[in-house]
N, C-alpha and C. Protein backbone atom coordinates (compact mmCIF):
# COMPACT_ATOMS: atom_id res chain seq x y z
N MET A 1 -8.46 -16.68 51.25
CA MET A 1 -9.52 -15.67 51.05
C MET A 1 -10.79 -16.39 50.61
N ASN A 2 -11.94 -16.15 51.33
CA ASN A 2 -13.16 -16.83 50.96
C ASN A 2 -13.79 -16.18 49.73
N THR A 3 -14.86 -16.81 49.23
CA THR A 3 -15.48 -16.35 47.98
C THR A 3 -15.99 -14.92 48.08
N ALA A 4 -16.59 -14.57 49.20
CA ALA A 4 -17.13 -13.21 49.36
C ALA A 4 -16.02 -12.17 49.32
N LEU A 5 -14.91 -12.46 49.99
CA LEU A 5 -13.80 -11.51 50.00
C LEU A 5 -13.18 -11.37 48.62
N ARG A 6 -13.07 -12.51 47.89
CA ARG A 6 -12.53 -12.45 46.53
C ARG A 6 -13.43 -11.61 45.63
N PHE A 7 -14.73 -11.75 45.79
CA PHE A 7 -15.69 -10.97 44.99
C PHE A 7 -15.55 -9.48 45.30
N MET A 8 -15.43 -9.14 46.59
CA MET A 8 -15.30 -7.72 46.97
C MET A 8 -14.01 -7.13 46.43
N ALA A 9 -12.91 -7.91 46.44
CA ALA A 9 -11.63 -7.42 45.92
C ALA A 9 -11.71 -7.19 44.42
N ALA A 10 -12.36 -8.14 43.71
CA ALA A 10 -12.51 -7.98 42.26
C ALA A 10 -13.37 -6.78 41.93
N LEU A 11 -14.43 -6.57 42.73
CA LEU A 11 -15.32 -5.43 42.50
C LEU A 11 -14.58 -4.12 42.72
N ALA A 12 -13.76 -4.06 43.76
CA ALA A 12 -12.99 -2.85 44.03
C ALA A 12 -12.01 -2.55 42.91
N LEU A 13 -11.38 -3.62 42.38
CA LEU A 13 -10.44 -3.43 41.27
C LEU A 13 -11.17 -2.94 40.03
N PHE A 14 -12.35 -3.51 39.75
CA PHE A 14 -13.13 -3.08 38.59
C PHE A 14 -13.53 -1.62 38.72
N CYS A 15 -13.95 -1.21 39.91
CA CYS A 15 -14.38 0.18 40.12
C CYS A 15 -13.22 1.14 39.94
N ALA A 16 -12.01 0.69 40.29
CA ALA A 16 -10.84 1.56 40.15
C ALA A 16 -10.39 1.65 38.70
N VAL A 17 -10.44 0.50 37.99
CA VAL A 17 -9.94 0.46 36.62
C VAL A 17 -11.01 0.85 35.61
N GLY A 18 -12.26 0.54 35.89
CA GLY A 18 -13.35 0.78 34.96
C GLY A 18 -13.40 2.19 34.39
N PRO A 19 -13.39 3.25 35.25
CA PRO A 19 -13.45 4.61 34.72
C PRO A 19 -12.29 4.94 33.80
N ALA A 20 -11.09 4.42 34.11
CA ALA A 20 -9.93 4.69 33.25
C ALA A 20 -10.13 4.07 31.89
N LEU A 21 -10.70 2.83 31.87
CA LEU A 21 -10.94 2.19 30.59
C LEU A 21 -12.00 2.92 29.80
N ALA A 22 -13.02 3.40 30.50
CA ALA A 22 -14.11 4.11 29.82
C ALA A 22 -13.62 5.39 29.18
N GLN A 23 -12.58 6.00 29.77
CA GLN A 23 -12.09 7.26 29.28
C GLN A 23 -10.91 7.10 28.32
N ALA A 24 -10.56 5.86 27.97
CA ALA A 24 -9.46 5.65 27.03
C ALA A 24 -9.78 6.35 25.72
N PRO A 25 -8.83 7.10 25.18
CA PRO A 25 -9.10 7.86 23.95
C PRO A 25 -9.40 6.97 22.76
N GLN A 26 -10.33 7.39 21.95
CA GLN A 26 -10.68 6.68 20.72
C GLN A 26 -9.83 7.22 19.57
N GLN A 27 -9.65 6.41 18.55
CA GLN A 27 -8.89 6.85 17.38
C GLN A 27 -9.76 6.72 16.14
N MET A 28 -9.48 7.55 15.13
CA MET A 28 -10.20 7.46 13.88
C MET A 28 -9.24 7.69 12.72
N ARG A 29 -9.59 7.12 11.57
CA ARG A 29 -8.82 7.31 10.35
C ARG A 29 -9.48 8.40 9.52
N ILE A 30 -8.67 9.30 8.98
CA ILE A 30 -9.20 10.41 8.19
C ILE A 30 -8.48 10.47 6.85
N ARG A 31 -9.25 10.51 5.79
CA ARG A 31 -8.74 10.69 4.43
C ARG A 31 -9.24 12.04 3.96
N ALA A 32 -8.33 12.95 3.65
CA ALA A 32 -8.76 14.33 3.40
C ALA A 32 -7.73 15.11 2.61
N THR A 33 -8.11 16.31 2.21
CA THR A 33 -7.21 17.26 1.55
C THR A 33 -6.99 18.44 2.49
N ILE A 34 -5.75 18.86 2.63
CA ILE A 34 -5.44 20.02 3.47
C ILE A 34 -5.97 21.29 2.79
N THR A 35 -6.75 22.08 3.53
CA THR A 35 -7.24 23.35 2.99
C THR A 35 -6.50 24.55 3.56
N ALA A 36 -5.94 24.40 4.77
CA ALA A 36 -5.18 25.50 5.37
C ALA A 36 -4.37 24.96 6.53
N ILE A 37 -3.30 25.66 6.86
CA ILE A 37 -2.48 25.34 8.03
C ILE A 37 -2.30 26.63 8.83
N ASP A 38 -2.69 26.60 10.10
CA ASP A 38 -2.57 27.76 10.97
C ASP A 38 -1.85 27.32 12.24
N GLY A 39 -0.53 27.51 12.25
CA GLY A 39 0.25 27.05 13.40
C GLY A 39 0.17 25.55 13.54
N ASP A 40 -0.38 25.09 14.67
CA ASP A 40 -0.48 23.67 14.94
C ASP A 40 -1.80 23.05 14.47
N VAL A 41 -2.60 23.83 13.77
CA VAL A 41 -3.93 23.34 13.38
C VAL A 41 -4.02 23.15 11.87
N LEU A 42 -4.41 21.93 11.49
CA LEU A 42 -4.67 21.62 10.09
C LEU A 42 -6.16 21.76 9.82
N SER A 43 -6.52 22.51 8.79
CA SER A 43 -7.90 22.51 8.31
C SER A 43 -7.98 21.54 7.15
N LEU A 44 -8.97 20.67 7.19
CA LEU A 44 -9.09 19.60 6.20
C LEU A 44 -10.49 19.57 5.59
N LYS A 45 -10.55 19.03 4.38
CA LYS A 45 -11.83 18.68 3.78
C LYS A 45 -11.78 17.19 3.51
N SER A 46 -12.60 16.44 4.23
CA SER A 46 -12.56 14.98 4.10
C SER A 46 -13.02 14.57 2.72
N ARG A 47 -12.75 13.33 2.36
CA ARG A 47 -13.17 12.85 1.04
C ARG A 47 -14.69 12.81 0.91
N GLU A 48 -15.39 12.85 2.06
CA GLU A 48 -16.85 12.92 2.04
C GLU A 48 -17.34 14.36 1.95
N GLY A 49 -16.39 15.34 1.99
CA GLY A 49 -16.76 16.74 1.87
C GLY A 49 -16.93 17.48 3.18
N THR A 50 -16.59 16.83 4.30
CA THR A 50 -16.75 17.44 5.62
C THR A 50 -15.54 18.29 5.98
N ALA A 51 -15.78 19.52 6.46
CA ALA A 51 -14.70 20.39 6.94
C ALA A 51 -14.31 19.95 8.35
N MET A 52 -13.01 19.84 8.59
CA MET A 52 -12.52 19.36 9.88
C MET A 52 -11.28 20.17 10.29
N LYS A 53 -11.03 20.20 11.58
CA LYS A 53 -9.80 20.79 12.11
C LYS A 53 -9.12 19.75 12.98
N VAL A 54 -7.81 19.59 12.77
CA VAL A 54 -7.03 18.60 13.52
C VAL A 54 -5.80 19.28 14.08
N ARG A 55 -5.56 19.09 15.36
CA ARG A 55 -4.42 19.72 16.02
C ARG A 55 -3.20 18.82 15.94
N MET A 56 -2.04 19.39 15.71
CA MET A 56 -0.77 18.67 15.74
C MET A 56 -0.05 18.97 17.05
N THR A 57 0.66 17.99 17.58
CA THR A 57 1.44 18.18 18.80
C THR A 57 2.85 17.65 18.55
N GLU A 58 3.66 17.67 19.60
CA GLU A 58 5.02 17.15 19.48
C GLU A 58 5.01 15.64 19.25
N ARG A 59 3.89 14.98 19.54
CA ARG A 59 3.78 13.53 19.31
C ARG A 59 3.44 13.20 17.86
N THR A 60 2.97 14.18 17.10
CA THR A 60 2.54 13.93 15.73
C THR A 60 3.72 13.62 14.83
N THR A 61 3.66 12.50 14.12
CA THR A 61 4.70 12.16 13.16
C THR A 61 4.18 12.38 11.74
N VAL A 62 5.10 12.67 10.83
CA VAL A 62 4.75 12.96 9.44
C VAL A 62 5.58 12.07 8.52
N ALA A 63 4.95 11.58 7.47
CA ALA A 63 5.65 10.79 6.45
C ALA A 63 5.10 11.17 5.09
N THR A 64 5.88 10.95 4.05
CA THR A 64 5.43 11.23 2.69
C THR A 64 5.42 9.95 1.86
N ALA A 65 4.54 9.92 0.87
CA ALA A 65 4.36 8.73 0.05
C ALA A 65 5.38 8.66 -1.09
N ARG A 66 5.77 7.44 -1.42
CA ARG A 66 6.67 7.21 -2.55
C ARG A 66 6.25 5.92 -3.25
N ALA A 67 6.21 5.95 -4.57
CA ALA A 67 5.77 4.79 -5.34
C ALA A 67 6.87 3.74 -5.47
N LEU A 68 6.46 2.48 -5.45
CA LEU A 68 7.35 1.35 -5.69
C LEU A 68 6.75 0.51 -6.81
N LYS A 69 7.51 -0.52 -7.20
CA LYS A 69 6.99 -1.57 -8.07
C LYS A 69 6.78 -2.82 -7.20
N LEU A 70 5.83 -3.64 -7.59
CA LEU A 70 5.60 -4.87 -6.82
C LEU A 70 6.86 -5.71 -6.76
N SER A 71 7.65 -5.67 -7.83
CA SER A 71 8.89 -6.46 -7.86
C SER A 71 9.95 -5.92 -6.89
N ASP A 72 9.74 -4.70 -6.39
CA ASP A 72 10.68 -4.14 -5.40
C ASP A 72 10.52 -4.78 -4.03
N LEU A 73 9.40 -5.44 -3.81
CA LEU A 73 9.13 -6.02 -2.49
C LEU A 73 9.76 -7.41 -2.41
N PRO A 74 10.67 -7.63 -1.49
CA PRO A 74 11.32 -8.95 -1.38
C PRO A 74 10.39 -9.96 -0.71
N LYS A 75 10.71 -11.23 -0.88
CA LYS A 75 9.96 -12.26 -0.18
C LYS A 75 10.06 -12.01 1.33
N ASN A 76 8.95 -12.24 2.01
CA ASN A 76 8.82 -12.03 3.46
C ASN A 76 8.73 -10.56 3.85
N ALA A 77 8.58 -9.67 2.87
CA ALA A 77 8.31 -8.27 3.20
C ALA A 77 6.98 -8.20 3.95
N PHE A 78 6.93 -7.34 4.96
CA PHE A 78 5.69 -7.18 5.74
C PHE A 78 4.92 -6.03 5.12
N VAL A 79 3.79 -6.34 4.53
CA VAL A 79 3.03 -5.33 3.79
C VAL A 79 1.55 -5.41 4.13
N GLY A 80 0.85 -4.33 3.79
CA GLY A 80 -0.59 -4.30 3.92
C GLY A 80 -1.20 -4.25 2.52
N VAL A 81 -2.29 -4.96 2.32
CA VAL A 81 -2.96 -4.97 1.02
C VAL A 81 -4.44 -4.65 1.24
N THR A 82 -4.87 -3.54 0.66
CA THR A 82 -6.29 -3.19 0.66
C THR A 82 -6.92 -3.89 -0.54
N ALA A 83 -8.02 -4.59 -0.33
CA ALA A 83 -8.59 -5.39 -1.42
C ALA A 83 -10.10 -5.52 -1.29
N VAL A 84 -10.72 -5.92 -2.39
CA VAL A 84 -12.14 -6.29 -2.40
C VAL A 84 -12.26 -7.61 -3.15
N LYS A 85 -13.34 -8.34 -2.92
CA LYS A 85 -13.52 -9.61 -3.61
C LYS A 85 -13.98 -9.39 -5.05
N GLY A 86 -13.36 -10.11 -5.98
CA GLY A 86 -13.79 -10.08 -7.36
C GLY A 86 -14.99 -10.99 -7.59
N ALA A 87 -15.49 -11.00 -8.82
CA ALA A 87 -16.66 -11.81 -9.14
C ALA A 87 -16.41 -13.30 -8.91
N ASP A 88 -15.15 -13.72 -9.02
CA ASP A 88 -14.82 -15.13 -8.83
C ASP A 88 -14.48 -15.46 -7.38
N GLY A 89 -14.65 -14.47 -6.49
CA GLY A 89 -14.39 -14.70 -5.07
C GLY A 89 -12.96 -14.48 -4.64
N VAL A 90 -12.05 -14.25 -5.60
CA VAL A 90 -10.65 -13.99 -5.26
C VAL A 90 -10.49 -12.52 -4.88
N LEU A 91 -9.70 -12.25 -3.86
CA LEU A 91 -9.44 -10.87 -3.46
C LEU A 91 -8.65 -10.16 -4.55
N VAL A 92 -9.07 -8.93 -4.85
CA VAL A 92 -8.39 -8.11 -5.85
C VAL A 92 -7.85 -6.86 -5.15
N ALA A 93 -6.55 -6.65 -5.27
CA ALA A 93 -5.91 -5.54 -4.56
C ALA A 93 -6.33 -4.19 -5.12
N ARG A 94 -6.60 -3.26 -4.22
CA ARG A 94 -6.78 -1.86 -4.57
C ARG A 94 -5.46 -1.11 -4.38
N GLU A 95 -4.65 -1.62 -3.46
CA GLU A 95 -3.38 -0.97 -3.14
C GLU A 95 -2.52 -1.94 -2.33
N VAL A 96 -1.21 -1.85 -2.52
CA VAL A 96 -0.24 -2.60 -1.73
C VAL A 96 0.69 -1.58 -1.10
N HIS A 97 0.95 -1.70 0.19
CA HIS A 97 1.83 -0.72 0.82
C HIS A 97 2.66 -1.35 1.94
N THR A 98 3.85 -0.82 2.13
CA THR A 98 4.70 -1.30 3.21
C THR A 98 4.14 -0.81 4.54
N ILE A 99 4.35 -1.59 5.59
CA ILE A 99 3.87 -1.22 6.91
C ILE A 99 4.94 -1.57 7.94
N PRO A 100 4.92 -0.90 9.09
CA PRO A 100 5.91 -1.22 10.13
C PRO A 100 5.60 -2.57 10.78
N LYS A 101 6.63 -3.20 11.32
CA LYS A 101 6.46 -4.51 11.96
C LYS A 101 5.54 -4.43 13.18
N THR A 102 5.30 -3.22 13.69
CA THR A 102 4.44 -3.07 14.85
C THR A 102 2.96 -3.07 14.48
N ALA A 103 2.65 -3.06 13.18
CA ALA A 103 1.25 -3.04 12.75
C ALA A 103 0.56 -4.35 13.12
N ARG A 104 -0.73 -4.28 13.31
CA ARG A 104 -1.52 -5.45 13.64
C ARG A 104 -1.49 -6.44 12.47
N GLU A 105 -1.15 -7.68 12.76
CA GLU A 105 -1.05 -8.71 11.73
C GLU A 105 -2.38 -9.42 11.57
N GLY A 106 -2.76 -9.73 10.33
CA GLY A 106 -3.98 -10.49 10.10
C GLY A 106 -4.82 -9.96 8.96
N HIS A 107 -6.01 -10.51 8.82
CA HIS A 107 -6.95 -10.15 7.76
C HIS A 107 -8.18 -9.57 8.42
N MET A 108 -8.60 -8.37 8.02
CA MET A 108 -9.68 -7.67 8.72
C MET A 108 -10.49 -6.80 7.77
N GLU A 109 -11.66 -6.37 8.23
CA GLU A 109 -12.45 -5.43 7.45
C GLU A 109 -11.73 -4.08 7.43
N TRP A 110 -11.98 -3.29 6.38
CA TRP A 110 -11.32 -1.99 6.23
C TRP A 110 -12.33 -0.98 5.71
N ASP A 111 -12.16 0.28 6.05
CA ASP A 111 -13.15 1.30 5.72
C ASP A 111 -12.81 2.10 4.46
N PHE A 112 -11.96 1.56 3.60
CA PHE A 112 -11.58 2.27 2.38
C PHE A 112 -12.78 2.42 1.44
N GLU A 113 -13.57 1.35 1.33
CA GLU A 113 -14.77 1.35 0.51
C GLU A 113 -15.63 0.18 0.98
N PRO A 114 -16.93 0.15 0.63
CA PRO A 114 -17.77 -0.96 1.07
C PRO A 114 -17.22 -2.31 0.62
N GLY A 115 -17.18 -3.26 1.54
CA GLY A 115 -16.70 -4.59 1.23
C GLY A 115 -15.19 -4.74 1.21
N ALA A 116 -14.46 -3.69 1.56
CA ALA A 116 -13.00 -3.74 1.52
C ALA A 116 -12.44 -4.49 2.73
N SER A 117 -11.27 -5.07 2.52
CA SER A 117 -10.54 -5.74 3.60
C SER A 117 -9.11 -5.24 3.60
N MET A 118 -8.44 -5.48 4.71
CA MET A 118 -7.02 -5.18 4.84
C MET A 118 -6.32 -6.45 5.29
N THR A 119 -5.26 -6.82 4.59
CA THR A 119 -4.44 -7.96 5.00
C THR A 119 -3.05 -7.46 5.32
N ASN A 120 -2.69 -7.52 6.58
CA ASN A 120 -1.34 -7.17 7.02
C ASN A 120 -0.58 -8.47 7.24
N ALA A 121 0.38 -8.75 6.39
CA ALA A 121 1.00 -10.08 6.43
C ALA A 121 2.34 -10.08 5.70
N TYR A 122 2.96 -11.26 5.68
CA TYR A 122 4.26 -11.42 5.03
C TYR A 122 4.07 -11.94 3.60
N LEU A 123 4.79 -11.33 2.68
CA LEU A 123 4.71 -11.73 1.28
C LEU A 123 5.40 -13.07 1.11
N GLU A 124 4.60 -14.11 0.91
CA GLU A 124 5.12 -15.47 0.85
C GLU A 124 5.46 -15.91 -0.57
N ALA A 125 4.65 -15.47 -1.55
CA ALA A 125 4.87 -15.88 -2.94
C ALA A 125 4.32 -14.81 -3.88
N HIS A 126 4.92 -14.74 -5.07
CA HIS A 126 4.52 -13.76 -6.08
C HIS A 126 4.66 -14.44 -7.44
N VAL A 127 3.52 -14.66 -8.12
CA VAL A 127 3.53 -15.32 -9.42
C VAL A 127 2.70 -14.52 -10.41
N GLN A 128 2.88 -14.80 -11.70
CA GLN A 128 2.08 -14.17 -12.74
C GLN A 128 0.96 -15.13 -13.15
N VAL A 129 -0.26 -14.61 -13.18
CA VAL A 129 -1.43 -15.38 -13.60
C VAL A 129 -2.15 -14.56 -14.65
N GLY A 130 -2.06 -15.00 -15.92
CA GLY A 130 -2.64 -14.21 -17.00
C GLY A 130 -1.94 -12.87 -17.09
N GLY A 131 -2.70 -11.81 -17.12
CA GLY A 131 -2.11 -10.48 -17.21
C GLY A 131 -1.91 -9.81 -15.87
N ALA A 132 -2.13 -10.53 -14.78
CA ALA A 132 -2.02 -9.94 -13.44
C ALA A 132 -1.01 -10.69 -12.59
N SER A 133 -0.55 -10.03 -11.55
CA SER A 133 0.26 -10.70 -10.54
C SER A 133 -0.67 -11.31 -9.51
N GLU A 134 -0.18 -12.33 -8.86
CA GLU A 134 -0.93 -12.93 -7.75
C GLU A 134 0.04 -13.15 -6.61
N ILE A 135 -0.31 -12.65 -5.45
CA ILE A 135 0.57 -12.77 -4.29
C ILE A 135 -0.13 -13.60 -3.21
N THR A 136 0.68 -14.31 -2.45
CA THR A 136 0.17 -15.04 -1.30
C THR A 136 0.71 -14.37 -0.04
N MET A 137 -0.21 -14.00 0.84
CA MET A 137 0.14 -13.30 2.07
C MET A 137 -0.09 -14.23 3.25
N ALA A 138 0.94 -14.41 4.08
CA ALA A 138 0.84 -15.32 5.23
C ALA A 138 0.91 -14.54 6.53
N TYR A 139 0.04 -14.91 7.45
CA TYR A 139 0.01 -14.29 8.78
C TYR A 139 -0.32 -15.36 9.80
N LYS A 140 -0.19 -15.03 11.07
CA LYS A 140 -0.47 -16.01 12.12
C LYS A 140 -1.92 -16.47 12.00
N GLY A 141 -2.09 -17.75 11.81
CA GLY A 141 -3.43 -18.30 11.76
C GLY A 141 -4.05 -18.38 10.39
N GLY A 142 -3.33 -17.96 9.33
CA GLY A 142 -3.95 -18.06 8.02
C GLY A 142 -3.14 -17.44 6.90
N SER A 143 -3.74 -17.39 5.73
CA SER A 143 -3.10 -16.78 4.57
C SER A 143 -4.18 -16.32 3.61
N GLN A 144 -3.82 -15.44 2.68
CA GLN A 144 -4.74 -14.92 1.67
C GLN A 144 -4.04 -14.90 0.33
N ARG A 145 -4.80 -15.28 -0.72
CA ARG A 145 -4.31 -15.18 -2.09
C ARG A 145 -4.96 -13.94 -2.69
N ILE A 146 -4.15 -13.03 -3.20
CA ILE A 146 -4.66 -11.73 -3.66
C ILE A 146 -4.15 -11.44 -5.07
N ARG A 147 -5.07 -11.12 -5.96
CA ARG A 147 -4.71 -10.74 -7.32
C ARG A 147 -4.36 -9.26 -7.35
N VAL A 148 -3.26 -8.92 -8.05
CA VAL A 148 -2.80 -7.53 -8.14
C VAL A 148 -2.80 -7.13 -9.62
N PRO A 149 -3.86 -6.45 -10.09
CA PRO A 149 -3.92 -6.07 -11.50
C PRO A 149 -2.83 -5.06 -11.86
N PRO A 150 -2.45 -4.98 -13.14
CA PRO A 150 -1.49 -3.96 -13.57
C PRO A 150 -2.02 -2.57 -13.21
N GLY A 151 -1.11 -1.71 -12.77
CA GLY A 151 -1.50 -0.35 -12.40
C GLY A 151 -1.92 -0.17 -10.96
N THR A 152 -2.01 -1.27 -10.20
CA THR A 152 -2.35 -1.15 -8.77
C THR A 152 -1.25 -0.39 -8.04
N PRO A 153 -1.60 0.67 -7.29
CA PRO A 153 -0.55 1.41 -6.58
C PRO A 153 0.20 0.54 -5.57
N VAL A 154 1.51 0.66 -5.59
CA VAL A 154 2.37 0.03 -4.59
C VAL A 154 3.13 1.17 -3.93
N ILE A 155 2.91 1.36 -2.63
CA ILE A 155 3.35 2.58 -1.95
C ILE A 155 4.19 2.26 -0.72
N THR A 156 5.21 3.08 -0.49
CA THR A 156 5.92 3.09 0.77
C THR A 156 5.91 4.52 1.28
N THR A 157 6.40 4.74 2.48
CA THR A 157 6.48 6.10 3.01
C THR A 157 7.88 6.38 3.53
N ASP A 158 8.25 7.65 3.49
CA ASP A 158 9.54 8.12 3.99
C ASP A 158 9.30 9.10 5.14
N PRO A 159 10.11 9.04 6.19
CA PRO A 159 9.96 9.99 7.29
C PRO A 159 10.10 11.43 6.78
N ALA A 160 9.30 12.32 7.35
CA ALA A 160 9.33 13.73 6.95
C ALA A 160 9.00 14.58 8.17
N ASP A 161 8.80 15.87 7.95
CA ASP A 161 8.38 16.76 9.03
C ASP A 161 7.26 17.65 8.52
N ARG A 162 6.87 18.62 9.31
CA ARG A 162 5.71 19.44 8.96
C ARG A 162 5.91 20.27 7.70
N SER A 163 7.15 20.46 7.31
CA SER A 163 7.40 21.24 6.09
C SER A 163 6.87 20.50 4.85
N ALA A 164 6.59 19.21 5.00
CA ALA A 164 6.06 18.43 3.88
C ALA A 164 4.55 18.64 3.71
N LEU A 165 3.93 19.35 4.63
CA LEU A 165 2.49 19.58 4.59
C LEU A 165 2.19 20.93 3.98
N ALA A 166 1.18 20.97 3.11
CA ALA A 166 0.80 22.22 2.46
C ALA A 166 -0.64 22.12 1.98
N PRO A 167 -1.33 23.26 1.87
CA PRO A 167 -2.69 23.23 1.34
C PRO A 167 -2.72 22.59 -0.05
N GLY A 168 -3.76 21.82 -0.28
CA GLY A 168 -3.92 21.14 -1.56
C GLY A 168 -3.44 19.71 -1.57
N LEU A 169 -2.64 19.32 -0.56
CA LEU A 169 -2.12 17.96 -0.51
C LEU A 169 -3.13 17.02 0.13
N TYR A 170 -3.18 15.82 -0.39
CA TYR A 170 -4.04 14.77 0.16
C TYR A 170 -3.29 14.09 1.29
N VAL A 171 -4.00 13.79 2.37
CA VAL A 171 -3.38 13.14 3.53
C VAL A 171 -4.25 12.00 4.03
N PHE A 172 -3.60 11.04 4.64
CA PHE A 172 -4.28 9.96 5.35
C PHE A 172 -3.70 9.99 6.75
N LEU A 173 -4.54 10.21 7.74
CA LEU A 173 -3.99 10.35 9.10
C LEU A 173 -4.82 9.60 10.12
N SER A 174 -4.15 9.24 11.19
CA SER A 174 -4.85 8.68 12.35
C SER A 174 -4.89 9.77 13.41
N ALA A 175 -6.05 9.92 14.01
CA ALA A 175 -6.24 10.99 14.99
C ALA A 175 -6.89 10.45 16.26
N GLU A 176 -6.55 11.07 17.36
CA GLU A 176 -7.13 10.75 18.65
C GLU A 176 -8.32 11.67 18.88
N VAL A 177 -9.42 11.08 19.31
CA VAL A 177 -10.63 11.87 19.57
C VAL A 177 -10.71 12.16 21.07
N GLY A 178 -10.66 13.44 21.43
CA GLY A 178 -10.70 13.83 22.83
C GLY A 178 -12.11 13.77 23.40
N PRO A 179 -12.24 13.91 24.73
CA PRO A 179 -13.56 13.89 25.38
C PRO A 179 -14.50 14.96 24.85
N ASP A 180 -13.92 16.07 24.37
CA ASP A 180 -14.73 17.16 23.82
C ASP A 180 -14.84 17.07 22.29
N ASN A 181 -14.47 15.90 21.74
CA ASN A 181 -14.53 15.62 20.30
C ASN A 181 -13.49 16.38 19.48
N THR A 182 -12.50 16.99 20.14
CA THR A 182 -11.40 17.60 19.40
C THR A 182 -10.53 16.48 18.84
N LEU A 183 -9.87 16.75 17.70
CA LEU A 183 -9.04 15.76 17.03
C LEU A 183 -7.57 16.13 17.14
N THR A 184 -6.76 15.17 17.54
CA THR A 184 -5.32 15.38 17.64
C THR A 184 -4.62 14.37 16.74
N ALA A 185 -3.83 14.86 15.80
CA ALA A 185 -3.16 13.97 14.84
C ALA A 185 -2.07 13.17 15.53
N LEU A 186 -2.05 11.86 15.28
CA LEU A 186 -0.98 10.99 15.78
C LEU A 186 0.05 10.75 14.69
N ARG A 187 -0.42 10.38 13.50
CA ARG A 187 0.46 10.14 12.35
C ARG A 187 -0.20 10.69 11.10
N ILE A 188 0.57 11.48 10.35
CA ILE A 188 0.07 12.06 9.10
C ILE A 188 0.92 11.52 7.96
N GLN A 189 0.26 10.90 6.97
CA GLN A 189 0.94 10.46 5.76
C GLN A 189 0.45 11.34 4.62
N ALA A 190 1.37 12.01 3.95
CA ALA A 190 1.00 13.04 2.98
C ALA A 190 1.40 12.67 1.56
N GLU A 191 0.62 13.17 0.63
CA GLU A 191 0.92 13.06 -0.80
C GLU A 191 2.25 13.76 -1.11
N LYS A 192 2.99 13.20 -2.05
CA LYS A 192 4.21 13.85 -2.51
C LYS A 192 4.40 13.55 -4.00
N ALA A 193 4.66 14.59 -4.77
CA ALA A 193 4.90 14.45 -6.21
C ALA A 193 3.79 13.66 -6.89
N GLY A 194 2.56 13.87 -6.44
CA GLY A 194 1.41 13.21 -7.05
C GLY A 194 1.14 11.81 -6.56
N VAL A 195 1.98 11.29 -5.69
CA VAL A 195 1.79 9.94 -5.15
C VAL A 195 1.02 10.06 -3.83
N ARG A 196 -0.14 9.44 -3.79
CA ARG A 196 -0.97 9.52 -2.58
C ARG A 196 -0.52 8.50 -1.53
N PRO A 197 -0.74 8.82 -0.27
CA PRO A 197 -0.30 7.92 0.81
C PRO A 197 -1.11 6.65 0.86
N PRO A 198 -0.60 5.64 1.57
CA PRO A 198 -1.37 4.41 1.74
C PRO A 198 -2.72 4.69 2.36
N GLN A 199 -3.72 3.94 1.91
CA GLN A 199 -5.09 4.15 2.38
C GLN A 199 -5.53 3.08 3.36
C-alpha cells in the first residue's frame, strides 16, 4: 500500500472512530448529602451547596463506610491516601482508605481540597515518628512517604444496596454525565453510623 492509500485508510478510520470518542460519557465525583429519594432519583445538596438530581439504574452499586485502625491494614494492602503537603514538604494524610485492585495506581492530583493529592499504592512500611505514624506507599514508577497524624480517618467500605440510602446521609459518588447533562450514578458510597465514606 503506497503512502497516499495508507493516509486515506487512516483518515477513514479516524472519521469512523472520532465521533464515538467525542461522545464517550464523562464522569464526575460528587460529595453531597441526600435530601430526598423518589424512586430511582436521588436529590442531593453538594458540599458547595448546589442542589442536584442523580438517577440510579441497575448498574448503580452501593457501599457503606466502616472505620478501621491503621494497624488493621496489613503490609502490601492496596490503599488510597488523600493528603496535602505539610510545612516541611512531607505529605500529611487527610484520610486513608481501602480501594479495589482495579483502581488506578499512582500518585495524582485530587479534588478533595486545594493542593490535595491521591496516592493509590501498596503499603510498604509503617513506622512511628514522634506522635504520628509514617507510611511508605509504593506504586509502579515511584513511592511516597506520608505522615498520618493521630485521628486521621481510616475507612473501608462494605457492599450494600439501596436500603442503605436515606435523606440526611452523606455520600460520595461517581456519576456519568449524559449528553443532556443528566447525571447517572455509577457507584454510591454512603455514610453509616456516623462514619463518612472515602473522599
